[in-house]
């Protein structure tokens, strides 16, 4: 399918306005490009629930706390457009920071700190603590993207769990759009799909599976009666330590009542979250403990999941 490739937010805004004027609903998938099967699944979901779907491809400098991560983030506009066209996406657009914030940047090309949006409670702790300013950058660009597109629905992957909390807060403040959080897309090994995976060497990719394995161990324990938060976190760490990755956090939080610190009340709807580094690559993953784990119980030889804590 021929896809409309637009090079500015202004052109994208005009295209989306034309769709709405003709009575069509618009589904929107914001991305930073280097698209993989996980992104395409979001687009397919958007196409199934809306008349048209569009995608933004913008490596947002506002949300990078490490200059090297911004510089090395993979970019492939032509490949991205081809992949989007193959699943029926009608429009993809990009732009520069100056185009998204026309007349608002300072002389050095930066957006003044006071122009950044507060991301809300979902940004506190874990990712927010590890990546100073990251969620302010996310909230600011997502708010501007929503202003450009005015979508009926916007689609995000659960892999960036705290990010989904932040964008839900942005949408709540604006009164729209509906935020649709889609399940994590995983490789056959269980590794959560990420554009950063392309920077992993073969041996690092094998070791990276420890993130999903650790989450699976905690999930199996939860489903067989373990309720102690520290013990559940220890299950995650056991896999990470065997793989020898640099752990930033392995934590349990209450999904529907986010807290920057560990919950003090009994867990009811827990989510396990993990972040680790393999060489120069930082990876994150999470899992809702009540759902089917990425790895079957048979993958953990020597663990007795049927026993009570």
C-alpha atoms as a PDB file:
ATOM      1  CA  UNK A   1       0.000   0.000   0.000  1.00  0.00           C
ATOM      2  CA  UNK A   2       1.219   3.513  -0.841  1.00  0.00           C
ATOM      3  CA  UNK A   3       1.762   5.440   2.390  1.00  0.00           C
ATOM      4  CA  UNK A   4       1.744   9.219   2.747  1.00  0.00           C
ATOM      5  CA  UNK A   5       5.221  10.236   3.946  1.00  0.00           C
ATOM      6  CA  UNK A   6       5.044  13.711   5.464  1.00  0.00           C
ATOM      7  CA  UNK A   7       8.069  15.709   6.581  1.00  0.00           C
ATOM      8  CA  UNK A   8       6.564  18.187   9.027  1.00  0.00           C
ATOM      9  CA  UNK A   9       4.044  18.355  11.866  1.00  0.00           C
ATOM     10  CA  UNK A  10       2.161  21.051   9.949  1.00  0.00           C
ATOM     11  CA  UNK A  11       1.629  18.725   6.987  1.00  0.00           C
ATOM     12  CA  UNK A  12       0.552  15.933   9.345  1.00  0.00           C
ATOM     13  CA  UNK A  13      -1.898  18.222  11.113  1.00  0.00           C
ATOM     14  CA  UNK A  14      -3.488  19.172   7.787  1.00  0.00           C
ATOM     15  CA  UNK A  15      -3.775  15.515   6.716  1.00  0.00           C
ATOM     16  CA  UNK A  16      -5.389  14.506  10.000  1.00  0.00           C
ATOM     17  CA  UNK A  17      -7.800  17.437   9.851  1.00  0.00           C
ATOM     18  CA  UNK A  18      -8.919  16.273   6.402  1.00  0.00           C
ATOM     19  CA  UNK A  19      -9.617  12.791   7.755  1.00  0.00           C
ATOM     20  CA  UNK A  20     -11.685  14.119  10.626  1.00  0.00           C
ATOM     21  CA  UNK A  21     -13.563  16.494   8.314  1.00  0.00           C
ATOM     22  CA  UNK A  22     -14.612  13.507   6.218  1.00  0.00           C
ATOM     23  CA  UNK A  23     -15.974  11.780   9.315  1.00  0.00           C
ATOM     24  CA  UNK A  24     -13.130   9.296   9.757  1.00  0.00           C
ATOM     25  CA  UNK A  25     -11.780   8.225  13.126  1.00  0.00           C
ATOM     26  CA  UNK A  26      -8.013   8.490  13.547  1.00  0.00           C
ATOM     27  CA  UNK A  27      -5.808   6.011  15.395  1.00  0.00           C
ATOM     28  CA  UNK A  28      -2.319   7.202  16.271  1.00  0.00           C
ATOM     29  CA  UNK A  29       0.910   5.384  17.148  1.00  0.00           C
ATOM     30  CA  UNK A  30       3.741   7.651  18.377  1.00  0.00           C
ATOM     31  CA  UNK A  31       7.206   6.120  17.855  1.00  0.00           C
ATOM     32  CA  UNK A  32      10.885   6.988  17.700  1.00  0.00           C
ATOM     33  CA  UNK A  33      11.353   4.845  14.606  1.00  0.00           C
ATOM     34  CA  UNK A  34      13.552   1.802  14.004  1.00  0.00           C
ATOM     35  CA  UNK A  35      10.257  -0.044  13.833  1.00  0.00           C
ATOM     36  CA  UNK A  36       9.923  -3.731  14.659  1.00  0.00           C
ATOM     37  CA  UNK A  37       7.097  -6.250  14.863  1.00  0.00           C
ATOM     38  CA  UNK A  38       5.935  -4.787  18.170  1.00  0.00           C
ATOM     39  CA  UNK A  39       5.357  -1.374  16.620  1.00  0.00           C
ATOM     40  CA  UNK A  40       3.571  -2.929  13.671  1.00  0.00           C
ATOM     41  CA  UNK A  41       1.232  -4.789  16.019  1.00  0.00           C
ATOM     42  CA  UNK A  42       0.227  -1.429  17.512  1.00  0.00           C
ATOM     43  CA  UNK A  43      -0.494  -0.103  14.015  1.00  0.00           C
ATOM     44  CA  UNK A  44      -2.551  -3.165  13.167  1.00  0.00           C
ATOM     45  CA  UNK A  45      -4.554  -2.681  16.365  1.00  0.00           C
ATOM     46  CA  UNK A  46      -5.091   0.975  15.460  1.00  0.00           C
ATOM     47  CA  UNK A  47      -6.274   0.005  11.968  1.00  0.00           C
ATOM     48  CA  UNK A  48      -8.719  -2.521  13.407  1.00  0.00           C
ATOM     49  CA  UNK A  49     -10.325   0.060  15.701  1.00  0.00           C
ATOM     50  CA  UNK A  50     -10.257   3.208  13.551  1.00  0.00           C
ATOM     51  CA  UNK A  51     -10.937   4.278   9.970  1.00  0.00           C
ATOM     52  CA  UNK A  52      -7.347   5.404   9.408  1.00  0.00           C
ATOM     53  CA  UNK A  53      -4.053   5.053  11.274  1.00  0.00           C
ATOM     54  CA  UNK A  54      -1.026   7.324  11.328  1.00  0.00           C
ATOM     55  CA  UNK A  55       2.403   7.068  12.923  1.00  0.00           C
ATOM     56  CA  UNK A  56       4.945   9.616  14.061  1.00  0.00           C
ATOM     57  CA  UNK A  57       8.664   8.883  13.786  1.00  0.00           C
ATOM     58  CA  UNK A  58      10.612  11.330  15.905  1.00  0.00           C
ATOM     59  CA  UNK A  59      13.711  10.657  18.004  1.00  0.00           C
ATOM     60  CA  UNK A  60      12.786  13.119  20.730  1.00  0.00           C
ATOM     61  CA  UNK A  61      15.873  14.776  22.254  1.00  0.00           C
ATOM     62  CA  UNK A  62      13.812  16.007  25.206  1.00  0.00           C
ATOM     63  CA  UNK A  63      13.513  12.514  26.685  1.00  0.00           C
ATOM     64  CA  UNK A  64      17.154  11.399  26.460  1.00  0.00           C
ATOM     65  CA  UNK A  65      19.182  11.784  29.632  1.00  0.00           C
ATOM     66  CA  UNK A  66      22.330  10.394  27.981  1.00  0.00           C
ATOM     67  CA  UNK A  67      23.795  12.114  24.913  1.00  0.00           C
ATOM     68  CA  UNK A  68      25.377   8.890  23.651  1.00  0.00           C
ATOM     69  CA  UNK A  69      22.019   7.114  23.751  1.00  0.00           C
ATOM     70  CA  UNK A  70      20.493   9.862  21.600  1.00  0.00           C
ATOM     71  CA  UNK A  71      23.403   9.754  19.149  1.00  0.00           C
ATOM     72  CA  UNK A  72      23.374   5.972  18.768  1.00  0.00           C
ATOM     73  CA  UNK A  73      19.599   5.490  18.683  1.00  0.00           C
ATOM     74  CA  UNK A  74      18.858   3.618  15.418  1.00  0.00           C
ATOM     75  CA  UNK A  75      17.216   5.527  12.581  1.00  0.00           C
ATOM     76  CA  UNK A  76      15.742   4.109   9.353  1.00  0.00           C
ATOM     77  CA  UNK A  77      13.096   6.380   7.820  1.00  0.00           C
ATOM     78  CA  UNK A  78      12.860   4.588   4.481  1.00  0.00           C
ATOM     79  CA  UNK A  79      12.676   1.155   6.097  1.00  0.00           C
ATOM     80  CA  UNK A  80      10.101   2.366   8.616  1.00  0.00           C
ATOM     81  CA  UNK A  81       7.861   3.810   5.898  1.00  0.00           C
ATOM     82  CA  UNK A  82       8.081   0.579   3.904  1.00  0.00           C
ATOM     83  CA  UNK A  83       7.164  -1.538   6.938  1.00  0.00           C
ATOM     84  CA  UNK A  84       4.227   0.713   7.786  1.00  0.00           C
ATOM     85  CA  UNK A  85       2.931   0.596   4.234  1.00  0.00           C
ATOM     86  CA  UNK A  86       3.085  -3.191   4.290  1.00  0.00           C
ATOM     87  CA  UNK A  87       0.510  -3.350   7.116  1.00  0.00           C
ATOM     88  CA  UNK A  88      -1.813  -0.732   5.630  1.00  0.00           C
ATOM     89  CA  UNK A  89      -0.853   2.383   7.590  1.00  0.00           C
ATOM     90  CA  UNK A  90      -2.075   5.440   5.696  1.00  0.00           C
ATOM     91  CA  UNK A  91       0.357   8.119   6.919  1.00  0.00           C
ATOM     92  CA  UNK A  92       3.716   8.533   8.656  1.00  0.00           C
ATOM     93  CA  UNK A  93       5.260  11.856   9.602  1.00  0.00           C
ATOM     94  CA  UNK A  94       8.364  13.279  11.162  1.00  0.00           C
ATOM     95  CA  UNK A  95       9.802  16.688  11.968  1.00  0.00           C
ATOM     96  CA  UNK A  96      12.490  18.512  13.876  1.00  0.00           C
ATOM     97  CA  UNK A  97      12.317  19.857  17.408  1.00  0.00           C
ATOM     98  CA  UNK A  98      12.110  23.350  15.902  1.00  0.00           C
ATOM     99  CA  UNK A  99       9.123  22.299  13.785  1.00  0.00           C
ATOM    100  CA  UNK A 100       7.280  20.757  16.705  1.00  0.00           C
ATOM    101  CA  UNK A 101       7.935  23.829  18.856  1.00  0.00           C
ATOM    102  CA  UNK A 102       7.983  26.555  16.240  1.00  0.00           C
ATOM    103  CA  UNK A 103       9.124  29.874  17.717  1.00  0.00           C
ATOM    104  CA  UNK A 104       9.460  28.350  21.188  1.00  0.00           C
ATOM    105  CA  UNK A 105      13.111  27.251  21.263  1.00  0.00           C
ATOM    106  CA  UNK A 106      15.896  29.257  22.839  1.00  0.00           C
ATOM    107  CA  UNK A 107      18.907  30.585  20.933  1.00  0.00           C
ATOM    108  CA  UNK A 108      20.840  27.365  21.582  1.00  0.00           C
ATOM    109  CA  UNK A 109      18.048  25.295  20.029  1.00  0.00           C
ATOM    110  CA  UNK A 110      16.787  23.926  23.345  1.00  0.00           C
ATOM    111  CA  UNK A 111      13.340  24.135  24.862  1.00  0.00           C
ATOM    112  CA  UNK A 112      13.358  26.188  28.043  1.00  0.00           C
ATOM    113  CA  UNK A 113      12.938  24.035  31.197  1.00  0.00           C
ATOM    114  CA  UNK A 114       9.790  25.920  32.179  1.00  0.00           C
ATOM    115  CA  UNK A 115       8.166  24.758  28.928  1.00  0.00           C
ATOM    116  CA  UNK A 116       8.453  21.114  29.935  1.00  0.00           C
ATOM    117  CA  UNK A 117       5.270  19.510  31.258  1.00  0.00           C
ATOM    118  CA  UNK A 118       5.015  17.858  34.655  1.00  0.00           C
ATOM    119  CA  UNK A 119       4.545  14.141  33.947  1.00  0.00           C
ATOM    120  CA  UNK A 120       2.452  13.229  36.985  1.00  0.00           C
ATOM    121  CA  UNK A 121       2.751  10.645  39.729  1.00  0.00           C
ATOM    122  CA  UNK A 122       3.427   7.763  37.350  1.00  0.00           C
ATOM    123  CA  UNK A 123       6.870   9.227  36.664  1.00  0.00           C
ATOM    124  CA  UNK A 124       8.012   8.898  40.276  1.00  0.00           C
ATOM    125  CA  UNK A 125      10.533   6.227  41.205  1.00  0.00           C
ATOM    126  CA  UNK A 126      12.213   3.491  39.153  1.00  0.00           C
ATOM    127  CA  UNK A 127      12.525   4.865  35.591  1.00  0.00           C
ATOM    128  CA  UNK A 128      11.922   8.385  36.815  1.00  0.00           C
ATOM    129  CA  UNK A 129      14.681   8.036  39.401  1.00  0.00           C
ATOM    130  CA  UNK A 130      17.112   6.424  36.947  1.00  0.00           C
ATOM    131  CA  UNK A 131      16.500   8.838  34.069  1.00  0.00           C
ATOM    132  CA  UNK A 132      16.365  12.428  35.262  1.00  0.00           C
ATOM    133  CA  UNK A 133      14.079  14.554  33.102  1.00  0.00           C
ATOM    134  CA  UNK A 134      13.064  11.650  30.871  1.00  0.00           C
ATOM    135  CA  UNK A 135       9.348  11.696  31.619  1.00  0.00           C
ATOM    136  CA  UNK A 136       9.126  15.482  31.432  1.00  0.00           C
ATOM    137  CA  UNK A 137      10.406  15.101  27.861  1.00  0.00           C
ATOM    138  CA  UNK A 138       7.925  12.308  27.162  1.00  0.00           C
ATOM    139  CA  UNK A 139       4.956  14.266  28.508  1.00  0.00           C
ATOM    140  CA  UNK A 140       5.939  17.390  26.583  1.00  0.00           C
ATOM    141  CA  UNK A 141       6.319  15.737  23.184  1.00  0.00           C
ATOM    142  CA  UNK A 142       3.281  13.490  23.577  1.00  0.00           C
ATOM    143  CA  UNK A 143       1.142  16.507  24.456  1.00  0.00           C
ATOM    144  CA  UNK A 144       2.410  18.277  21.324  1.00  0.00           C
ATOM    145  CA  UNK A 145       1.864  15.178  19.166  1.00  0.00           C
ATOM    146  CA  UNK A 146      -1.721  14.943  20.394  1.00  0.00           C
ATOM    147  CA  UNK A 147      -2.132  18.610  19.486  1.00  0.00           C
ATOM    148  CA  UNK A 148      -0.865  17.892  15.964  1.00  0.00           C
ATOM    149  CA  UNK A 149      -2.905  14.755  15.304  1.00  0.00           C
ATOM    150  CA  UNK A 150      -6.010  15.113  17.503  1.00  0.00           C
ATOM    151  CA  UNK A 151      -6.489  11.336  17.396  1.00  0.00           C
ATOM    152  CA  UNK A 152      -9.522   9.477  18.627  1.00  0.00           C
ATOM    153  CA  UNK A 153      -7.264   6.799  20.104  1.00  0.00           C
ATOM    154  CA  UNK A 154      -3.525   6.544  20.715  1.00  0.00           C
ATOM    155  CA  UNK A 155      -1.687   3.244  21.069  1.00  0.00           C
ATOM    156  CA  UNK A 156       1.271   2.459  23.310  1.00  0.00           C
ATOM    157  CA  UNK A 157       3.063  -0.735  24.261  1.00  0.00           C
ATOM    158  CA  UNK A 158       3.054  -1.987  27.839  1.00  0.00           C
ATOM    159  CA  UNK A 159       6.834  -2.525  27.752  1.00  0.00           C
ATOM    160  CA  UNK A 160       7.306   1.110  28.772  1.00  0.00           C
ATOM    161  CA  UNK A 161       4.964   0.689  31.736  1.00  0.00           C
ATOM    162  CA  UNK A 162       5.600   3.996  33.507  1.00  0.00           C
ATOM    163  CA  UNK A 163       5.407   5.794  30.176  1.00  0.00           C
ATOM    164  CA  UNK A 164       1.862   4.510  29.751  1.00  0.00           C
ATOM    165  CA  UNK A 165       0.992   6.052  33.129  1.00  0.00           C
ATOM    166  CA  UNK A 166       2.481   9.354  32.003  1.00  0.00           C
ATOM    167  CA  UNK A 167       0.646   9.463  28.656  1.00  0.00           C
ATOM    168  CA  UNK A 168      -2.609   8.522  30.364  1.00  0.00           C
ATOM    169  CA  UNK A 169      -2.121  11.559  32.608  1.00  0.00           C
ATOM    170  CA  UNK A 170      -1.404  13.763  29.580  1.00  0.00           C
ATOM    171  CA  UNK A 171      -4.590  12.538  27.899  1.00  0.00           C
ATOM    172  CA  UNK A 172      -6.589  13.015  31.106  1.00  0.00           C
ATOM    173  CA  UNK A 173      -5.509  16.647  31.331  1.00  0.00           C
ATOM    174  CA  UNK A 174      -6.382  17.251  27.680  1.00  0.00           C
ATOM    175  CA  UNK A 175      -9.657  15.340  27.858  1.00  0.00           C
ATOM    176  CA  UNK A 176      -8.532  13.132  24.937  1.00  0.00           C
ATOM    177  CA  UNK A 177      -7.570  10.867  23.276  1.00  0.00           C
ATOM    178  CA  UNK A 178      -8.451   7.421  24.531  1.00  0.00           C
ATOM    179  CA  UNK A 179      -5.207   5.656  25.468  1.00  0.00           C
ATOM    180  CA  UNK A 180      -4.959   2.009  24.429  1.00  0.00           C
ATOM    181  CA  UNK A 181      -2.179   0.045  26.138  1.00  0.00           C
ATOM    182  CA  UNK A 182      -1.251  -3.087  24.180  1.00  0.00           C
ATOM    183  CA  UNK A 183       0.515  -6.233  25.452  1.00  0.00           C
ATOM    184  CA  UNK A 184       4.284  -6.525  25.233  1.00  0.00           C
ATOM    185  CA  UNK A 185       5.503  -7.996  21.958  1.00  0.00           C
ATOM    186  CA  UNK A 186       8.218 -10.581  22.552  1.00  0.00           C
ATOM    187  CA  UNK A 187      10.746 -12.449  20.484  1.00  0.00           C
ATOM    188  CA  UNK A 188      10.525 -16.244  20.462  1.00  0.00           C
ATOM    189  CA  UNK A 189      13.082 -16.354  23.279  1.00  0.00           C
ATOM    190  CA  UNK A 190      10.857 -14.210  25.507  1.00  0.00           C
ATOM    191  CA  UNK A 191      12.981 -11.073  25.109  1.00  0.00           C
ATOM    192  CA  UNK A 192      10.788  -7.974  24.906  1.00  0.00           C
ATOM    193  CA  UNK A 193      11.099  -6.376  21.488  1.00  0.00           C
ATOM    194  CA  UNK A 194      12.932  -3.051  21.519  1.00  0.00           C
ATOM    195  CA  UNK A 195      14.717  -0.950  18.931  1.00  0.00           C
ATOM    196  CA  UNK A 196      17.721  -1.056  21.264  1.00  0.00           C
ATOM    197  CA  UNK A 197      17.932  -4.848  20.839  1.00  0.00           C
ATOM    198  CA  UNK A 198      19.625  -4.204  17.489  1.00  0.00           C
ATOM    199  CA  UNK A 199      22.642  -2.872  19.383  1.00  0.00           C
ATOM    200  CA  UNK A 200      23.091  -6.128  21.317  1.00  0.00           C
ATOM    201  CA  UNK A 201      25.847  -8.484  20.269  1.00  0.00           C
ATOM    202  CA  UNK A 202      24.755 -12.136  19.823  1.00  0.00           C
ATOM    203  CA  UNK A 203      26.020 -13.209  23.253  1.00  0.00           C
ATOM    204  CA  UNK A 204      24.417 -10.167  24.887  1.00  0.00           C
ATOM    205  CA  UNK A 205      21.093 -10.969  23.236  1.00  0.00           C
ATOM    206  CA  UNK A 206      21.215 -14.447  24.765  1.00  0.00           C
ATOM    207  CA  UNK A 207      21.974 -13.016  28.197  1.00  0.00           C
ATOM    208  CA  UNK A 208      19.248 -10.380  27.830  1.00  0.00           C
ATOM    209  CA  UNK A 209      16.604 -13.103  28.063  1.00  0.00           C
ATOM    210  CA  UNK A 210      17.320 -13.096  31.813  1.00  0.00           C
ATOM    211  CA  UNK A 211      14.972 -10.121  32.171  1.00  0.00           C
ATOM    212  CA  UNK A 212      11.911 -12.008  30.952  1.00  0.00           C
ATOM    213  CA  UNK A 213      13.042 -15.173  32.754  1.00  0.00           C
ATOM    214  CA  UNK A 214      13.275 -13.297  36.035  1.00  0.00           C
ATOM    215  CA  UNK A 215       9.818 -11.831  35.548  1.00  0.00           C
ATOM    216  CA  UNK A 216       8.488 -15.304  34.737  1.00  0.00           C
ATOM    217  CA  UNK A 217       9.969 -16.763  37.919  1.00  0.00           C
ATOM    218  CA  UNK A 218       8.223 -14.088  39.989  1.00  0.00           C
ATOM    219  CA  UNK A 219       4.981 -14.637  38.095  1.00  0.00           C
ATOM    220  CA  UNK A 220       5.027 -18.407  38.646  1.00  0.00           C
ATOM    221  CA  UNK A 221       5.698 -17.866  42.351  1.00  0.00           C
ATOM    222  CA  UNK A 222       2.834 -15.367  42.592  1.00  0.00           C
ATOM    223  CA  UNK A 223       0.415 -17.707  40.864  1.00  0.00           C
ATOM    224  CA  UNK A 224       1.340 -20.479  43.291  1.00  0.00           C
ATOM    225  CA  UNK A 225       0.763 -18.463  46.433  1.00  0.00           C
ATOM    226  CA  UNK A 226       3.861 -16.391  47.179  1.00  0.00           C
ATOM    227  CA  UNK A 227       2.820 -12.939  48.387  1.00  0.00           C
ATOM    228  CA  UNK A 228       5.932 -11.583  50.076  1.00  0.00           C
ATOM    229  CA  UNK A 229       7.188  -8.631  48.035  1.00  0.00           C
ATOM    230  CA  UNK A 230      10.880  -9.061  48.849  1.00  0.00           C
ATOM    231  CA  UNK A 231      10.769 -12.752  48.012  1.00  0.00           C
ATOM    232  CA  UNK A 232       9.133 -12.026  44.659  1.00  0.00           C
ATOM    233  CA  UNK A 233      11.809  -9.453  43.865  1.00  0.00           C
ATOM    234  CA  UNK A 234      14.470 -12.000  44.850  1.00  0.00           C
ATOM    235  CA  UNK A 235      13.099 -14.378  42.213  1.00  0.00           C
ATOM    236  CA  UNK A 236      13.760 -11.764  39.529  1.00  0.00           C
ATOM    237  CA  UNK A 237      17.229 -10.980  40.839  1.00  0.00           C
ATOM    238  CA  UNK A 238      18.185 -14.657  40.861  1.00  0.00           C
ATOM    239  CA  UNK A 239      17.978 -14.803  37.059  1.00  0.00           C
ATOM    240  CA  UNK A 240      19.699 -11.456  36.578  1.00  0.00           C
ATOM    241  CA  UNK A 241      22.598 -12.428  38.801  1.00  0.00           C
ATOM    242  CA  UNK A 242      23.176 -15.699  36.963  1.00  0.00           C
ATOM    243  CA  UNK A 243      23.394 -13.773  33.678  1.00  0.00           C
ATOM    244  CA  UNK A 244      25.790 -11.235  35.182  1.00  0.00           C
ATOM    245  CA  UNK A 245      23.981  -8.134  33.943  1.00  0.00           C
ATOM    246  CA  UNK A 246      24.235  -4.723  35.595  1.00  0.00           C
ATOM    247  CA  UNK A 247      20.959  -4.396  37.495  1.00  0.00           C
ATOM    248  CA  UNK A 248      19.375  -0.973  37.960  1.00  0.00           C
ATOM    249  CA  UNK A 249      16.200  -2.216  39.617  1.00  0.00           C
ATOM    250  CA  UNK A 250      14.012  -5.274  40.045  1.00  0.00           C
ATOM    251  CA  UNK A 251      10.844  -4.189  41.770  1.00  0.00           C
ATOM    252  CA  UNK A 252       7.197  -4.957  42.453  1.00  0.00           C
ATOM    253  CA  UNK A 253       4.540  -2.243  42.378  1.00  0.00           C
ATOM    254  CA  UNK A 254       0.772  -2.177  42.597  1.00  0.00           C
ATOM    255  CA  UNK A 255      -0.483  -1.700  39.043  1.00  0.00           C
ATOM    256  CA  UNK A 256      -3.562   0.404  39.781  1.00  0.00           C
ATOM    257  CA  UNK A 257      -2.053   2.486  42.600  1.00  0.00           C
ATOM    258  CA  UNK A 258       1.420   3.532  41.490  1.00  0.00           C
ATOM    259  CA  UNK A 259       3.881   4.433  44.229  1.00  0.00           C
ATOM    260  CA  UNK A 260       7.519   5.496  43.921  1.00  0.00           C
ATOM    261  CA  UNK A 261       8.451   3.223  46.830  1.00  0.00           C
ATOM    262  CA  UNK A 262       7.565  -0.386  47.531  1.00  0.00           C
ATOM    263  CA  UNK A 263       3.892  -0.849  48.463  1.00  0.00           C
ATOM    264  CA  UNK A 264       3.239  -1.241  52.181  1.00  0.00           C
ATOM    265  CA  UNK A 265      -0.221  -2.749  51.791  1.00  0.00           C
ATOM    266  CA  UNK A 266      -1.023  -6.254  50.594  1.00  0.00           C
ATOM    267  CA  UNK A 267      -0.541  -6.767  46.871  1.00  0.00           C
ATOM    268  CA  UNK A 268      -3.673  -7.239  44.774  1.00  0.00           C
ATOM    269  CA  UNK A 269      -2.765  -6.420  41.161  1.00  0.00           C
ATOM    270  CA  UNK A 270       1.044  -6.397  41.064  1.00  0.00           C
ATOM    271  CA  UNK A 271       3.362  -5.577  38.210  1.00  0.00           C
ATOM    272  CA  UNK A 272       7.002  -6.646  38.270  1.00  0.00           C
ATOM    273  CA  UNK A 273       9.453  -4.271  36.607  1.00  0.00           C
ATOM    274  CA  UNK A 274      13.133  -4.595  35.774  1.00  0.00           C
ATOM    275  CA  UNK A 275      15.911  -2.522  34.205  1.00  0.00           C
ATOM    276  CA  UNK A 276      19.438  -3.709  33.444  1.00  0.00           C
ATOM    277  CA  UNK A 277      22.437  -2.891  31.283  1.00  0.00           C
ATOM    278  CA  UNK A 278      24.326  -5.206  28.988  1.00  0.00           C
ATOM    279  CA  UNK A 279      27.427  -3.389  27.832  1.00  0.00           C
ATOM    280  CA  UNK A 280      26.286  -0.046  26.400  1.00  0.00           C
ATOM    281  CA  UNK A 281      22.631  -1.089  26.034  1.00  0.00           C
ATOM    282  CA  UNK A 282      19.987  -0.406  28.645  1.00  0.00           C
ATOM    283  CA  UNK A 283      16.917  -2.660  28.582  1.00  0.00           C
ATOM    284  CA  UNK A 284      13.647  -2.626  30.503  1.00  0.00           C
ATOM    285  CA  UNK A 285      10.819  -5.116  30.844  1.00  0.00           C
ATOM    286  CA  UNK A 286       7.793  -5.784  33.029  1.00  0.00           C
ATOM    287  CA  UNK A 287       5.061  -8.317  33.578  1.00  0.00           C
ATOM    288  CA  UNK A 288       1.645  -8.329  35.238  1.00  0.00           C
ATOM    289  CA  UNK A 289       2.086 -11.165  37.714  1.00  0.00           C
ATOM    290  CA  UNK A 290      -1.451 -12.443  37.338  1.00  0.00           C
ATOM    291  CA  UNK A 291      -1.060 -13.048  33.608  1.00  0.00           C
ATOM    292  CA  UNK A 292       0.530 -15.952  31.717  1.00  0.00           C
ATOM    293  CA  UNK A 293       4.335 -15.656  32.146  1.00  0.00           C
ATOM    294  CA  UNK A 294       6.629 -15.267  29.107  1.00  0.00           C
ATOM    295  CA  UNK A 295       8.332 -18.574  30.022  1.00  0.00           C
ATOM    296  CA  UNK A 296       6.600 -21.824  31.089  1.00  0.00           C
ATOM    297  CA  UNK A 297       7.237 -23.265  34.539  1.00  0.00           C
ATOM    298  CA  UNK A 298       9.085 -26.162  32.893  1.00  0.00           C
ATOM    299  CA  UNK A 299      11.838 -23.719  31.939  1.00  0.00           C
ATOM    300  CA  UNK A 300      12.892 -23.445  35.576  1.00  0.00           C
ATOM    301  CA  UNK A 301      14.328 -26.792  36.531  1.00  0.00           C
ATOM    302  CA  UNK A 302      14.699 -27.378  40.231  1.00  0.00           C
ATOM    303  CA  UNK A 303      11.981 -24.916  41.283  1.00  0.00           C
ATOM    304  CA  UNK A 304       8.880 -26.307  42.934  1.00  0.00           C
ATOM    305  CA  UNK A 305       6.122 -23.898  41.971  1.00  0.00           C
ATOM    306  CA  UNK A 306       3.379 -25.980  43.519  1.00  0.00           C
ATOM    307  CA  UNK A 307       4.684 -25.446  47.049  1.00  0.00           C
ATOM    308  CA  UNK A 308       3.175 -22.792  49.276  1.00  0.00           C
ATOM    309  CA  UNK A 309       5.408 -20.045  50.724  1.00  0.00           C
END
